[in-house]
Amino acid sequence: MMFQTLPALNYALAMSGVRFRTYLLGTLLGLQLPIVLYYLFFDTLAQPLHLD
């Protein structure tokens, strides 16, 4: 989660020899966990505040 929004890492991977298909596949697989964790965090936060 710490490196999810690290632009320097994204630029370094774009300039490296990683193929686009591999980069795209890693990005799609790597984003699922943070999205689920963000959902669970904000859902848990919204319940006591009756924002659901």
C-alpha atoms as a PDB file:
ATOM      1  CA  MET A   1       0.000   0.000   0.000  1.00  0.00           C
ATOM      2  CA  MET A   2       2.892   2.333   0.697  1.00  0.00           C
ATOM      3  CA  PHE A   3       4.134   2.304  -2.906  1.00  0.00           C
ATOM      4  CA  GLN A   4       0.738   2.421  -4.592  1.00  0.00           C
ATOM      5  CA  THR A   5       0.856   6.105  -5.459  1.00  0.00           C
ATOM      6  CA  LEU A   6       4.625   6.550  -5.721  1.00  0.00           C
ATOM      7  CA  PRO A   7       5.090   8.396  -9.043  1.00  0.00           C
ATOM      8  CA  ALA A   8       8.878   7.952  -9.027  1.00  0.00           C
ATOM      9  CA  LEU A   9       8.446   4.171  -9.066  1.00  0.00           C
ATOM     10  CA  ASN A  10       5.965   4.401 -11.934  1.00  0.00           C
ATOM     11  CA  TYR A  11       8.362   6.545 -13.971  1.00  0.00           C
ATOM     12  CA  ALA A  12      11.278   4.226 -13.222  1.00  0.00           C
ATOM     13  CA  LEU A  13       9.294   1.201 -14.374  1.00  0.00           C
ATOM     14  CA  ALA A  14       8.184   3.033 -17.506  1.00  0.00           C
ATOM     15  CA  MET A  15      11.801   3.820 -18.390  1.00  0.00           C
ATOM     16  CA  SER A  16      13.099   0.350 -17.527  1.00  0.00           C
ATOM     17  CA  GLY A  17      13.084  -2.687 -19.744  1.00  0.00           C
ATOM     18  CA  VAL A  18       9.766  -3.982 -18.430  1.00  0.00           C
ATOM     19  CA  ARG A  19       7.455  -4.750 -21.320  1.00  0.00           C
ATOM     20  CA  PHE A  20       4.155  -2.882 -21.419  1.00  0.00           C
ATOM     21  CA  ARG A  21       2.090  -6.072 -21.214  1.00  0.00           C
ATOM     22  CA  THR A  22       3.954  -7.193 -18.087  1.00  0.00           C
ATOM     23  CA  TYR A  23       3.664  -3.718 -16.532  1.00  0.00           C
ATOM     24  CA  LEU A  24      -0.067  -3.560 -17.296  1.00  0.00           C
ATOM     25  CA  LEU A  25      -0.709  -7.042 -15.909  1.00  0.00           C
ATOM     26  CA  GLY A  26       1.222  -6.233 -12.719  1.00  0.00           C
ATOM     27  CA  THR A  27      -0.670  -2.972 -12.338  1.00  0.00           C
ATOM     28  CA  LEU A  28      -4.069  -4.617 -12.774  1.00  0.00           C
ATOM     29  CA  LEU A  29      -3.247  -7.381 -10.303  1.00  0.00           C
ATOM     30  CA  GLY A  30      -1.562  -5.025  -7.833  1.00  0.00           C
ATOM     31  CA  LEU A  31      -4.426  -2.546  -7.650  1.00  0.00           C
ATOM     32  CA  GLN A  32      -7.056  -5.031  -6.519  1.00  0.00           C
ATOM     33  CA  LEU A  33      -5.767  -5.348  -2.948  1.00  0.00           C
ATOM     34  CA  PRO A  34      -5.514  -1.593  -2.217  1.00  0.00           C
ATOM     35  CA  ILE A  35      -8.969  -0.964  -3.704  1.00  0.00           C
ATOM     36  CA  VAL A  36     -10.504  -3.640  -1.463  1.00  0.00           C
ATOM     37  CA  LEU A  37      -8.647  -2.309   1.581  1.00  0.00           C
ATOM     38  CA  TYR A  38      -9.779   1.269   0.876  1.00  0.00           C
ATOM     39  CA  TYR A  39     -13.355   0.051   0.469  1.00  0.00           C
ATOM     40  CA  LEU A  40     -13.285  -1.855   3.762  1.00  0.00           C
ATOM     41  CA  PHE A  41     -11.665   1.055   5.613  1.00  0.00           C
ATOM     42  CA  PHE A  42     -14.147   3.673   4.435  1.00  0.00           C
ATOM     43  CA  ASP A  43     -17.112   1.334   4.871  1.00  0.00           C
ATOM     44  CA  THR A  44     -16.043   0.679   8.454  1.00  0.00           C
ATOM     45  CA  LEU A  45     -15.608   4.407   8.993  1.00  0.00           C
ATOM     46  CA  ALA A  46     -19.027   5.254   7.501  1.00  0.00           C
ATOM     47  CA  GLN A  47     -21.066   2.797   9.577  1.00  0.00           C
ATOM     48  CA  PRO A  48     -20.717   4.540  12.976  1.00  0.00           C
ATOM     49  CA  LEU A  49     -21.331   7.891  11.290  1.00  0.00           C
ATOM     50  CA  HIS A  50     -24.505   6.547   9.603  1.00  0.00           C
ATOM     51  CA  LEU A  51     -23.286   7.579   6.169  1.00  0.00           C
ATOM     52  CA  ASP A  52     -24.211   4.334   4.448  1.00  0.00           C
END
